[in-house]
Protein backbone atom coordinates (compact mmCIF):
# COMPACT_ATOMS: atom_id res chain seq x y z
CA MET A 1 35.99 21.47 -132.23
CA ARG A 2 33.87 24.04 -130.48
CA THR A 3 31.12 21.45 -130.18
CA ALA A 4 33.52 19.04 -128.49
CA ASN A 5 34.70 21.73 -126.11
CA ARG A 6 31.12 22.68 -125.30
CA LEU A 7 30.29 19.07 -124.59
CA SER A 8 33.29 18.88 -122.32
CA VAL A 9 32.14 21.97 -120.45
CA ILE A 10 28.62 20.58 -120.15
CA LEU A 11 29.96 17.28 -118.81
CA VAL A 12 32.11 19.11 -116.26
CA LEU A 13 29.12 21.21 -115.16
CA LEU A 14 26.96 18.08 -114.79
CA LEU A 15 29.66 16.39 -112.75
CA LEU A 16 30.02 19.45 -110.49
CA THR A 17 26.23 19.63 -110.07
CA ALA A 18 26.07 15.92 -109.13
CA LEU A 19 28.91 16.33 -106.66
CA ALA A 20 27.25 19.37 -105.07
CA ALA A 21 23.96 17.47 -104.72
CA ALA A 22 25.75 14.51 -103.15
CA CYS A 23 27.52 16.75 -100.66
CA GLY A 24 24.22 18.40 -99.77
CA GLU A 25 22.61 15.05 -99.06
CA LYS A 26 25.53 14.04 -96.82
CA ALA A 27 25.28 17.36 -94.99
CA ASN A 28 21.55 16.79 -94.44
CA ASP A 29 22.20 13.23 -93.24
CA ALA A 30 24.80 14.48 -90.72
CA ALA A 31 22.58 17.26 -89.36
CA PRO A 32 20.47 15.15 -86.96
CA ALA A 33 23.58 13.60 -85.39
CA SER A 34 25.22 17.00 -84.85
CA GLU A 35 21.99 18.40 -83.43
CA SER A 36 21.66 15.50 -80.96
CA ALA A 37 25.20 15.91 -79.60
CA PRO A 38 24.45 18.91 -77.38
CA ALA A 39 21.45 17.04 -75.95
CA ALA A 40 23.69 14.14 -74.97
CA GLU A 41 26.15 16.50 -73.28
CA SER A 42 23.42 18.27 -71.32
CA ALA A 43 21.89 15.04 -70.01
CA PRO A 44 22.82 14.46 -66.34
CA ALA A 45 25.45 11.78 -65.87
CA SER A 46 24.33 8.86 -63.73
CA GLN A 47 25.73 9.21 -60.18
CA PRO A 48 26.71 6.21 -58.08
CA ALA A 49 24.50 5.73 -55.02
CA GLU A 50 26.02 7.18 -51.86
CA SER A 51 27.55 4.47 -49.70
CA GLY A 52 26.07 4.25 -46.22
CA PRO A 53 27.99 4.05 -42.93
CA TYR A 54 28.00 0.27 -43.09
CA PRO A 55 29.69 -2.08 -43.63
CA ARG A 56 32.66 -0.91 -41.56
CA THR A 57 35.52 -2.71 -39.87
CA ILE A 58 36.80 -1.82 -36.41
CA THR A 59 40.05 -3.06 -34.91
CA ASP A 60 40.14 -3.22 -31.13
CA TYR A 61 42.76 -3.21 -28.35
CA LYS A 62 43.49 -6.90 -28.91
CA ASN A 63 44.18 -6.14 -32.57
CA LYS A 64 41.07 -8.09 -33.45
CA SER A 65 39.06 -6.81 -36.41
CA VAL A 66 35.27 -6.98 -36.32
CA GLU A 67 33.27 -6.29 -39.46
CA LEU A 68 29.93 -4.60 -38.84
CA LYS A 69 27.88 -5.33 -41.93
CA THR A 70 24.90 -3.36 -40.64
CA GLU A 71 24.18 -1.15 -37.64
CA PRO A 72 24.25 -3.26 -34.47
CA GLN A 73 20.76 -3.53 -33.02
CA ARG A 74 21.45 -5.56 -29.88
CA ILE A 75 24.56 -4.31 -28.10
CA ALA A 76 25.56 -5.68 -24.70
CA VAL A 77 28.22 -3.93 -22.62
CA THR A 78 30.29 -5.09 -19.66
CA ASP A 79 31.62 -1.68 -18.59
CA TYR A 80 29.68 1.23 -17.09
CA VAL A 81 32.07 3.74 -18.68
CA ILE A 82 31.23 2.40 -22.13
CA PHE A 83 27.55 2.47 -21.20
CA SER A 84 27.70 6.12 -20.12
CA HIS A 85 29.52 7.15 -23.31
CA LEU A 86 26.82 5.50 -25.42
CA VAL A 87 24.07 7.23 -23.44
CA SER A 88 25.88 10.53 -24.06
CA LEU A 89 25.37 9.74 -27.76
CA ASP A 90 21.69 8.92 -27.17
CA TYR A 91 22.24 5.22 -27.73
CA TYR A 92 20.96 2.72 -25.16
CA PRO A 93 22.45 -0.79 -25.07
CA MET A 94 19.94 -3.58 -24.55
CA ALA A 95 21.97 -5.10 -21.67
CA ALA A 96 24.79 -4.15 -19.33
CA ASN A 97 26.84 -5.58 -16.52
CA MET A 98 26.18 -3.91 -13.14
CA TYR A 99 23.07 -2.23 -14.47
CA ASP A 100 20.90 -2.86 -11.41
CA SER A 101 23.52 -2.20 -8.74
CA TYR A 102 25.46 0.67 -10.33
CA ILE A 103 24.36 2.14 -13.65
CA SER A 104 20.67 2.55 -12.81
CA ILE A 105 21.48 4.58 -9.68
CA MET A 106 23.74 7.04 -11.48
CA GLU A 107 22.10 10.37 -10.72
CA SER A 108 23.47 11.76 -13.98
CA MET A 109 21.47 9.32 -16.08
CA LYS A 110 18.27 8.69 -14.15
CA SER A 111 16.13 10.95 -16.30
CA ARG A 112 17.58 9.50 -19.50
CA LEU A 113 17.02 5.93 -18.38
CA GLN A 114 13.36 6.40 -17.53
CA GLY A 115 11.22 4.15 -19.68
CA LYS A 116 14.21 2.21 -21.01
CA SER A 117 14.21 -1.57 -20.77
CA ILE A 118 17.78 -2.69 -20.13
CA GLU A 119 18.76 -6.14 -18.91
CA ASN A 120 21.22 -6.66 -16.08
CA LEU A 121 24.18 -8.96 -16.87
CA GLY A 122 25.54 -9.51 -13.39
CA GLU A 123 27.83 -7.79 -10.97
CA TRP A 124 31.33 -6.31 -10.99
CA ASP A 125 33.27 -9.57 -11.05
CA ALA A 126 30.51 -11.94 -12.10
CA ILE A 127 29.24 -11.54 -15.65
CA ASN A 128 26.23 -13.79 -16.15
CA LEU A 129 27.36 -15.57 -19.29
CA GLU A 130 24.27 -17.75 -19.50
CA LYS A 131 21.96 -14.75 -19.46
CA THR A 132 24.18 -12.88 -21.90
CA ALA A 133 23.91 -15.78 -24.34
CA SER A 134 20.13 -16.04 -23.89
CA LEU A 135 19.72 -12.39 -24.92
CA GLU A 136 21.46 -13.10 -28.26
CA PRO A 137 23.43 -9.85 -28.63
CA ASP A 138 24.86 -9.12 -32.06
CA LEU A 139 27.83 -7.27 -30.51
CA ILE A 140 29.51 -7.10 -27.09
CA LEU A 141 31.53 -4.05 -26.01
CA SER A 142 33.99 -4.48 -23.17
CA SER A 143 37.12 -3.12 -21.54
CA THR A 144 37.40 -4.33 -17.94
CA SER A 145 39.88 -6.85 -16.55
CA ASP A 146 37.00 -9.06 -15.36
CA ALA A 147 35.57 -9.17 -18.85
CA ASP A 148 39.05 -9.94 -20.18
CA LYS A 149 39.09 -13.10 -18.05
CA ALA A 150 35.84 -14.18 -19.68
CA TYR A 151 36.82 -12.97 -23.15
CA GLU A 152 36.73 -16.38 -24.85
CA GLN A 153 33.30 -17.19 -23.42
CA LEU A 154 31.98 -13.80 -24.49
CA GLU A 155 33.41 -14.22 -27.98
CA ALA A 156 31.60 -17.54 -28.26
CA ILE A 157 28.35 -15.66 -27.72
CA ALA A 158 28.87 -12.74 -30.13
CA PRO A 159 31.63 -10.65 -31.73
CA VAL A 160 33.50 -8.70 -29.06
CA LEU A 161 35.19 -5.30 -29.31
CA PHE A 162 37.59 -4.97 -26.40
CA TYR A 163 38.93 -1.50 -25.55
CA ASP A 164 42.08 -0.52 -23.72
CA PRO A 165 41.00 -0.58 -20.03
CA VAL A 166 43.44 2.18 -19.08
CA LYS A 167 42.30 4.55 -21.82
CA MET A 168 38.62 3.79 -21.43
CA GLY A 169 39.02 4.27 -17.70
CA ASN A 170 40.42 7.75 -18.33
CA THR A 171 43.70 7.18 -16.49
CA GLU A 172 45.96 7.67 -19.50
CA THR A 173 43.82 9.74 -21.81
CA ASP A 174 40.94 12.19 -21.66
CA TRP A 175 37.24 11.44 -21.84
CA LYS A 176 36.98 12.46 -25.49
CA TRP A 177 38.86 9.33 -26.60
CA GLY A 178 36.14 7.01 -25.37
CA VAL A 179 33.36 9.05 -26.92
CA ARG A 180 35.02 9.02 -30.32
CA GLU A 181 35.91 5.32 -30.25
CA LEU A 182 32.37 4.24 -29.38
CA ALA A 183 30.85 6.62 -31.91
CA LYS A 184 32.56 4.57 -34.62
CA VAL A 185 30.54 1.50 -33.64
CA ILE A 186 27.17 3.20 -34.08
CA ALA A 187 28.27 5.45 -36.97
CA GLN A 188 27.75 8.63 -34.96
CA GLU A 189 31.10 10.36 -35.43
CA GLU A 190 29.51 13.72 -36.26
CA LYS A 191 27.24 13.54 -33.23
CA ALA A 192 30.24 12.70 -31.04
CA GLU A 193 32.04 15.84 -32.16
CA GLN A 194 28.94 17.91 -31.45
CA VAL A 195 28.55 16.38 -27.97
CA ILE A 196 32.24 17.03 -27.25
CA ALA A 197 31.98 20.63 -28.47
CA ASP A 198 28.85 21.27 -26.37
CA THR A 199 30.47 19.81 -23.26
CA GLU A 200 33.67 21.80 -23.73
CA ARG A 201 31.66 24.97 -24.31
CA THR A 202 29.84 24.45 -21.00
CA MET A 203 33.18 23.88 -19.29
CA ALA A 204 34.63 27.06 -20.75
CA GLU A 205 31.62 29.10 -19.63
CA LYS A 206 31.82 27.73 -16.09
CA LYS A 207 35.59 28.13 -15.97
CA ALA A 208 35.11 31.84 -16.54
CA GLU A 209 32.58 31.98 -13.72
CA PHE A 210 34.74 29.92 -11.35
CA ALA A 211 37.64 32.34 -11.80
CA ALA A 212 36.16 34.20 -8.84
CA HIS A 213 37.24 31.24 -6.67
CA GLU A 214 40.81 31.18 -7.96
CA GLY A 215 43.24 29.93 -5.33
CA LYS A 216 40.57 28.01 -3.41
CA THR A 217 41.58 24.35 -3.14
CA VAL A 218 39.30 21.44 -3.94
CA ALA A 219 39.47 17.76 -2.97
CA PHE A 220 37.32 14.86 -4.20
CA PHE A 221 37.00 11.76 -2.00
CA LEU A 222 35.38 8.41 -1.64
CA TYR A 223 34.70 7.69 2.02
CA SER A 224 34.49 4.34 3.75
CA LYS A 225 35.08 3.89 7.44
CA ALA A 226 35.70 0.19 6.87
CA ARG A 227 38.40 0.94 4.30
CA GLY A 228 40.28 3.45 6.37
CA GLY A 229 38.47 6.69 5.76
CA PHE A 230 39.01 9.12 2.89
CA THR A 231 40.23 7.81 -0.46
CA MET A 232 41.36 10.57 -2.76
CA GLN A 233 40.79 10.21 -6.48
CA SER A 234 43.86 10.76 -8.66
CA TYR A 235 44.45 14.10 -10.34
CA THR A 236 44.52 12.42 -13.75
CA ALA A 237 41.17 10.70 -13.25
CA LEU A 238 39.49 14.01 -12.47
CA LYS A 239 41.59 16.41 -14.53
CA ALA A 240 38.53 17.27 -16.61
CA TYR A 241 37.26 19.17 -13.57
CA TYR A 242 40.60 20.58 -12.46
CA GLU A 243 41.80 21.72 -15.87
CA GLY A 244 38.49 22.14 -17.64
CA LEU A 245 37.01 24.27 -14.86
CA GLY A 246 40.21 25.83 -13.55
CA LEU A 247 39.93 24.27 -10.08
CA THR A 248 42.97 24.10 -7.80
CA PRO A 249 43.65 20.59 -6.44
CA ALA A 250 44.42 20.30 -2.74
CA LEU A 251 46.82 17.52 -3.74
CA ARG A 252 48.04 16.64 -7.22
CA ASN A 253 48.34 12.92 -6.61
CA GLU A 254 49.00 10.65 -9.57
CA ALA A 255 47.37 7.58 -8.01
CA VAL A 256 44.41 6.81 -5.80
CA GLU A 257 45.50 7.58 -2.26
CA THR A 258 43.95 6.95 1.16
CA ILE A 259 44.26 10.03 3.34
CA SER A 260 44.34 9.78 7.13
CA MET A 261 42.68 12.41 9.27
CA GLU A 262 46.10 13.88 9.94
CA GLY A 263 46.75 14.01 6.22
CA LEU A 264 43.41 15.68 5.68
CA VAL A 265 44.35 18.34 8.22
CA ASP A 266 47.59 18.98 6.32
CA LEU A 267 45.67 19.41 3.06
CA ASP A 268 42.89 21.44 4.67
CA PRO A 269 41.00 22.03 1.38
CA ASP A 270 38.56 24.88 0.99
CA TYR A 271 35.99 22.62 -0.65
CA ILE A 272 35.46 18.91 -0.03
CA PHE A 273 33.33 16.78 -2.36
CA ILE A 274 32.49 13.26 -1.21
CA PHE A 275 31.10 10.71 -3.65
CA GLU A 276 28.36 8.40 -2.45
CA THR A 277 25.77 5.99 -3.80
CA ASN A 278 22.84 5.78 -1.40
CA GLY A 279 23.32 8.29 1.38
CA SER A 280 25.13 5.93 3.74
CA VAL A 281 28.32 8.03 3.62
CA ALA A 282 26.53 11.08 4.94
CA GLN A 283 25.19 8.96 7.80
CA GLU A 284 28.68 7.65 8.60
CA LEU A 285 30.08 11.16 8.72
CA GLU A 286 27.37 12.20 11.15
CA GLU A 287 29.49 10.41 13.77
CA MET A 288 32.29 12.92 13.17
CA LYS A 289 30.25 15.97 14.09
CA GLY A 290 31.74 15.92 17.56
CA ASP A 291 35.31 15.37 16.34
CA LYS A 292 37.39 18.48 17.03
CA VAL A 293 39.92 17.65 14.31
CA TRP A 294 37.19 17.26 11.70
CA ASN A 295 35.40 20.38 12.85
CA GLY A 296 38.66 22.32 12.59
CA LEU A 297 38.88 21.85 8.81
CA LYS A 298 38.19 24.98 6.74
CA ALA A 299 35.64 23.19 4.57
CA VAL A 300 33.74 21.97 7.64
CA LYS A 301 33.83 25.30 9.45
CA ASN A 302 32.61 27.13 6.34
CA ASP A 303 29.93 24.53 5.53
CA GLN A 304 31.68 23.62 2.29
CA VAL A 305 31.51 19.83 2.47
CA PHE A 306 29.30 18.50 -0.31
CA PHE A 307 27.96 15.05 -1.10
CA ALA A 308 27.56 14.08 -4.72
CA ASN A 309 26.48 10.98 -6.57
CA PHE A 310 29.46 8.86 -7.64
CA SER A 311 28.44 9.20 -11.29
CA MET A 312 30.29 12.53 -11.51
CA ALA A 313 33.54 10.57 -11.15
CA VAL A 314 32.83 8.55 -14.32
CA MET A 315 34.26 10.55 -17.19
CA SER A 316 31.73 10.79 -19.99
CA PRO A 317 29.82 13.82 -21.31
CA VAL A 318 26.55 12.99 -19.54
CA ASN A 319 28.37 12.52 -16.22
CA LEU A 320 30.62 15.53 -16.67
CA LEU A 321 27.65 17.82 -17.21
CA TYR A 322 26.12 16.46 -14.01
CA GLY A 323 29.41 17.00 -12.16
CA ILE A 324 29.78 20.55 -13.47
CA ASP A 325 26.29 21.31 -12.21
CA VAL A 326 27.12 19.88 -8.76
CA ILE A 327 30.30 21.97 -8.51
CA ASP A 328 28.53 25.07 -9.80
CA LYS A 329 25.80 24.80 -7.18
CA ALA A 330 28.42 24.28 -4.45
CA LEU A 331 30.70 27.15 -5.39
CA ASN A 332 28.06 29.63 -6.44
CA ARG A 333 25.21 28.94 -4.04
């Protein structure tokens, strides 16, 4: 009986030993897997490649969507305001309407345009469609009423982004709108914000300096004897100077207005700025040196009539900085 019990005990011990050995083997088999787990966790996860700025889709004033699969390399523009915004962002279109007769003589951009090869696409109301097509642009940027008339022909040449003429012309919005809209085309939104910030900082600095002239009135004119004399720019079109620099307008007119000599006497501004293109305006006004009414104006008596290139009336950062410099030299000479 004892022998049987002993055998039973021996069998139980053998079974327990076998089970323990089996468990040990399983533990050893599992060890490599458990050791490799931390390595798998520490391995860097694969990151998706950062998506670039293109492709991107832009919807324009006509509610037309244009997909830009890559950065446009050959941009043609039919509006000098658009052109000047792009130059402010250090981008130079390969062709532009009115380049020879208008854009290239903008004093604000002469230094920037040196060495640039830019094709002329015609005049104000005569876009050279044949030449535009021959240049094979990959994108056309436009906003003028004349370009609107030729929209279908332009669209047959290349995709067209057409901007609100009123907003791009700065009569219903400020200059920053145009900068930001065009920055989207060339994927330069960050640069646009920097350019805007730099321009506004310059304005703020000059506004503080111009505070010494507070109360002195300013008037900006185009002058043409053939068109009846002095044409006053609207307050809205030039509000960047009035509000940004703290200047007091001689007249807060909401539309372009031709001022007679009698009207000019009534305004009698302290400072008169006259926009010109080639010096012919200054020559025309030479005839008025003997005019008693003209000579009776405060600005004339105090030698505060200044001629400035018309580019300062085109609201874009590069032109505004030129205009601020012109005003600064006039007020603080």
